[in-house]
Amino acid sequence: NKKAIEDAQKEAEKLAKMNADQKKDYAMEQLKDENERLKAEHMKVELGRTASGHLKESGIDATDDILSFVVGTDAEATKANIDKFVSIIQAQVKAAEVKRATGSTPKSFGGNKTPISEIDKRIAKYRH
């Protein structure tokens, strides 16, 4: 009987110790997770700074929206995203410049409407 009580006490102490160890393990796991999260945030900030510099070199203002779009999980992914984004922007700018440059020239400005003499009307009729 006394031995059973002693065994039960030892077992209870062992369980209590295991629970304490499990609590330590859980706390350590939580700290590791928090550390990994902070490392990931720090890396994202650093990648954002680098991305901002690369975008400025290409003549693009790096807004928060653009940075959230181009910053990847690592430096290689971020660089690939930046290259792709810059090429898209440059293509859009070039297309806009071509469109603007190939517009039609107005035939008359229609601004200063002075009365045209009868002779000028007849001459204008044959100019086309």
C-alpha atoms as a PDB file:
ATOM      1  CA  ASN A   1       0.000   0.000   0.000  1.00  0.00           C
ATOM      2  CA  LYS A   2       2.750   2.407   0.985  1.00  0.00           C
ATOM      3  CA  LYS A   3       4.694   1.426  -2.157  1.00  0.00           C
ATOM      4  CA  ALA A   4       1.636   2.061  -4.353  1.00  0.00           C
ATOM      5  CA  ILE A   5       1.264   5.519  -2.804  1.00  0.00           C
ATOM      6  CA  GLU A   6       4.969   6.266  -3.386  1.00  0.00           C
ATOM      7  CA  ASP A   7       4.719   5.045  -7.003  1.00  0.00           C
ATOM      8  CA  ALA A   8       1.645   7.196  -7.544  1.00  0.00           C
ATOM      9  CA  GLN A   9       3.454  10.229  -6.083  1.00  0.00           C
ATOM     10  CA  LYS A  10       6.481   9.611  -8.337  1.00  0.00           C
ATOM     11  CA  GLU A  11       4.201   9.252 -11.328  1.00  0.00           C
ATOM     12  CA  ALA A  12       2.364  12.484 -10.415  1.00  0.00           C
ATOM     13  CA  GLU A  13       5.708  14.309 -10.092  1.00  0.00           C
ATOM     14  CA  LYS A  14       6.797  12.880 -13.438  1.00  0.00           C
ATOM     15  CA  LEU A  15       3.555  14.023 -15.080  1.00  0.00           C
ATOM     16  CA  ALA A  16       3.868  17.457 -13.466  1.00  0.00           C
ATOM     17  CA  LYS A  17       7.441  17.676 -14.708  1.00  0.00           C
ATOM     18  CA  MET A  18       6.405  16.561 -18.198  1.00  0.00           C
ATOM     19  CA  ASN A  19       3.729  19.223 -18.235  1.00  0.00           C
ATOM     20  CA  ALA A  20       6.306  21.825 -17.208  1.00  0.00           C
ATOM     21  CA  ASP A  21       8.642  20.555 -19.915  1.00  0.00           C
ATOM     22  CA  GLN A  22       5.813  20.589 -22.403  1.00  0.00           C
ATOM     23  CA  LYS A  23       5.040  24.177 -21.355  1.00  0.00           C
ATOM     24  CA  LYS A  24       8.690  25.090 -21.907  1.00  0.00           C
ATOM     25  CA  ASP A  25       8.642  23.381 -25.285  1.00  0.00           C
ATOM     26  CA  TYR A  26       5.451  25.242 -26.186  1.00  0.00           C
ATOM     27  CA  ALA A  27       6.938  28.558 -25.048  1.00  0.00           C
ATOM     28  CA  MET A  28      10.103  27.840 -27.049  1.00  0.00           C
ATOM     29  CA  GLU A  29       8.009  26.993 -30.103  1.00  0.00           C
ATOM     30  CA  GLN A  30       6.112  30.258 -29.704  1.00  0.00           C
ATOM     31  CA  LEU A  31       9.387  32.184 -29.451  1.00  0.00           C
ATOM     32  CA  LYS A  32      10.739  30.422 -32.532  1.00  0.00           C
ATOM     33  CA  ASP A  33       7.579  31.257 -34.476  1.00  0.00           C
ATOM     34  CA  GLU A  34       7.754  34.906 -33.383  1.00  0.00           C
ATOM     35  CA  ASN A  35      11.440  35.020 -34.291  1.00  0.00           C
ATOM     36  CA  GLU A  36      10.718  33.597 -37.755  1.00  0.00           C
ATOM     37  CA  ARG A  37       7.900  36.106 -38.256  1.00  0.00           C
ATOM     38  CA  LEU A  38      10.175  38.994 -37.251  1.00  0.00           C
ATOM     39  CA  LYS A  39      12.927  37.725 -39.553  1.00  0.00           C
ATOM     40  CA  ALA A  40      10.441  37.531 -42.422  1.00  0.00           C
ATOM     41  CA  GLU A  41       9.233  41.073 -41.719  1.00  0.00           C
ATOM     42  CA  HIS A  42      12.807  42.351 -41.535  1.00  0.00           C
ATOM     43  CA  MET A  43      13.660  40.618 -44.802  1.00  0.00           C
ATOM     44  CA  LYS A  44      10.557  42.108 -46.425  1.00  0.00           C
ATOM     45  CA  VAL A  45      11.601  45.599 -45.276  1.00  0.00           C
ATOM     46  CA  GLU A  46      15.114  45.091 -46.635  1.00  0.00           C
ATOM     47  CA  LEU A  47      13.764  43.716 -49.926  1.00  0.00           C
ATOM     48  CA  GLY A  48      11.438  46.726 -50.096  1.00  0.00           C
ATOM     49  CA  ARG A  49      14.367  49.128 -49.713  1.00  0.00           C
ATOM     50  CA  THR A  50      16.322  47.329 -52.398  1.00  0.00           C
ATOM     51  CA  ALA A  51      13.285  47.190 -54.687  1.00  0.00           C
ATOM     52  CA  SER A  52      12.669  50.890 -54.156  1.00  0.00           C
ATOM     53  CA  GLY A  53      16.225  51.652 -55.249  1.00  0.00           C
ATOM     54  CA  HIS A  54      15.951  49.488 -58.366  1.00  0.00           C
ATOM     55  CA  LEU A  55      12.633  51.056 -59.326  1.00  0.00           C
ATOM     56  CA  LYS A  56      13.995  54.590 -58.876  1.00  0.00           C
ATOM     57  CA  GLU A  57      16.927  53.699 -61.144  1.00  0.00           C
ATOM     58  CA  SER A  58      14.324  52.801 -63.777  1.00  0.00           C
ATOM     59  CA  GLY A  59      12.496  56.103 -63.270  1.00  0.00           C
ATOM     60  CA  ILE A  60       9.551  54.649 -61.331  1.00  0.00           C
ATOM     61  CA  ASP A  61       8.406  56.101 -58.008  1.00  0.00           C
ATOM     62  CA  ALA A  62       8.085  53.199 -55.592  1.00  0.00           C
ATOM     63  CA  THR A  63       4.734  53.582 -53.853  1.00  0.00           C
ATOM     64  CA  ASP A  64       3.605  51.186 -51.137  1.00  0.00           C
ATOM     65  CA  ASP A  65       1.204  49.531 -53.600  1.00  0.00           C
ATOM     66  CA  ILE A  66       3.983  48.957 -56.126  1.00  0.00           C
ATOM     67  CA  LEU A  67       6.330  47.627 -53.459  1.00  0.00           C
ATOM     68  CA  SER A  68       3.704  45.228 -52.129  1.00  0.00           C
ATOM     69  CA  PHE A  69       3.280  44.030 -55.723  1.00  0.00           C
ATOM     70  CA  VAL A  70       6.965  43.495 -56.566  1.00  0.00           C
ATOM     71  CA  VAL A  71       8.488  42.364 -53.251  1.00  0.00           C
ATOM     72  CA  GLY A  72       8.680  38.582 -53.303  1.00  0.00           C
ATOM     73  CA  THR A  73       9.713  35.923 -50.818  1.00  0.00           C
ATOM     74  CA  ASP A  74      13.420  36.374 -51.516  1.00  0.00           C
ATOM     75  CA  ALA A  75      15.863  38.564 -53.438  1.00  0.00           C
ATOM     76  CA  GLU A  76      15.668  36.525 -56.649  1.00  0.00           C
ATOM     77  CA  ALA A  77      11.869  36.579 -56.768  1.00  0.00           C
ATOM     78  CA  THR A  78      11.848  40.313 -56.012  1.00  0.00           C
ATOM     79  CA  LYS A  79      14.379  41.026 -58.775  1.00  0.00           C
ATOM     80  CA  ALA A  80      12.344  38.982 -61.270  1.00  0.00           C
ATOM     81  CA  ASN A  81       9.164  40.822 -60.259  1.00  0.00           C
ATOM     82  CA  ILE A  82      10.887  44.202 -60.624  1.00  0.00           C
ATOM     83  CA  ASP A  83      12.256  43.337 -64.060  1.00  0.00           C
ATOM     84  CA  LYS A  84       8.828  42.176 -65.218  1.00  0.00           C
ATOM     85  CA  PHE A  85       7.083  45.240 -63.754  1.00  0.00           C
ATOM     86  CA  VAL A  86       9.586  47.676 -65.291  1.00  0.00           C
ATOM     87  CA  SER A  87       9.242  46.034 -68.709  1.00  0.00           C
ATOM     88  CA  ILE A  88       5.438  46.292 -68.492  1.00  0.00           C
ATOM     89  CA  ILE A  89       5.597  49.968 -67.521  1.00  0.00           C
ATOM     90  CA  GLN A  90       8.121  50.764 -70.257  1.00  0.00           C
ATOM     91  CA  ALA A  91       5.958  49.010 -72.858  1.00  0.00           C
ATOM     92  CA  GLN A  92       2.902  50.996 -71.717  1.00  0.00           C
ATOM     93  CA  VAL A  93       4.808  54.293 -71.836  1.00  0.00           C
ATOM     94  CA  LYS A  94       6.148  53.504 -75.306  1.00  0.00           C
ATOM     95  CA  ALA A  95       2.656  52.597 -76.550  1.00  0.00           C
ATOM     96  CA  ALA A  96       1.280  55.860 -75.151  1.00  0.00           C
ATOM     97  CA  GLU A  97       4.069  57.850 -76.839  1.00  0.00           C
ATOM     98  CA  VAL A  98       3.450  56.137 -80.184  1.00  0.00           C
ATOM     99  CA  LYS A  99      -0.281  56.773 -79.911  1.00  0.00           C
ATOM    100  CA  ARG A 100       0.293  60.427 -79.072  1.00  0.00           C
ATOM    101  CA  ALA A 101       2.851  60.877 -81.872  1.00  0.00           C
ATOM    102  CA  THR A 102       0.674  59.273 -84.565  1.00  0.00           C
ATOM    103  CA  GLY A 103      -2.448  61.337 -83.981  1.00  0.00           C
ATOM    104  CA  SER A 104      -3.975  63.375 -86.797  1.00  0.00           C
ATOM    105  CA  THR A 105      -3.217  67.037 -87.304  1.00  0.00           C
ATOM    106  CA  PRO A 106      -6.298  69.245 -87.218  1.00  0.00           C
ATOM    107  CA  LYS A 107      -7.167  70.790 -90.589  1.00  0.00           C
ATOM    108  CA  SER A 108      -8.336  74.062 -89.090  1.00  0.00           C
ATOM    109  CA  PHE A 109      -8.071  75.453 -85.644  1.00  0.00           C
ATOM    110  CA  GLY A 110     -11.438  77.160 -85.809  1.00  0.00           C
ATOM    111  CA  GLY A 111     -10.339  79.813 -83.391  1.00  0.00           C
ATOM    112  CA  ASN A 112     -10.153  83.252 -84.990  1.00  0.00           C
ATOM    113  CA  LYS A 113     -13.245  83.367 -87.167  1.00  0.00           C
ATOM    114  CA  THR A 114     -12.830  86.453 -89.260  1.00  0.00           C
ATOM    115  CA  PRO A 115     -15.202  87.059 -92.124  1.00  0.00           C
ATOM    116  CA  ILE A 116     -13.813  85.736 -95.397  1.00  0.00           C
ATOM    117  CA  SER A 117     -14.157  87.839 -98.464  1.00  0.00           C
ATOM    118  CA  GLU A 118     -15.928  86.446-101.507  1.00  0.00           C
ATOM    119  CA  ILE A 119     -12.639  86.112-103.394  1.00  0.00           C
ATOM    120  CA  ASP A 120     -10.976  84.181-100.524  1.00  0.00           C
ATOM    121  CA  LYS A 121     -13.952  81.785-100.415  1.00  0.00           C
ATOM    122  CA  ARG A 122     -13.568  81.015-104.125  1.00  0.00           C
ATOM    123  CA  ILE A 123      -9.784  80.498-103.746  1.00  0.00           C
ATOM    124  CA  ALA A 124     -10.271  78.210-100.711  1.00  0.00           C
ATOM    125  CA  LYS A 125     -12.701  76.116-102.744  1.00  0.00           C
ATOM    126  CA  TYR A 126      -9.908  75.139-105.171  1.00  0.00           C
ATOM    127  CA  ARG A 127      -7.202  74.530-102.525  1.00  0.00           C
ATOM    128  CA  HIS A 128      -8.426  71.077-101.507  1.00  0.00           C
END
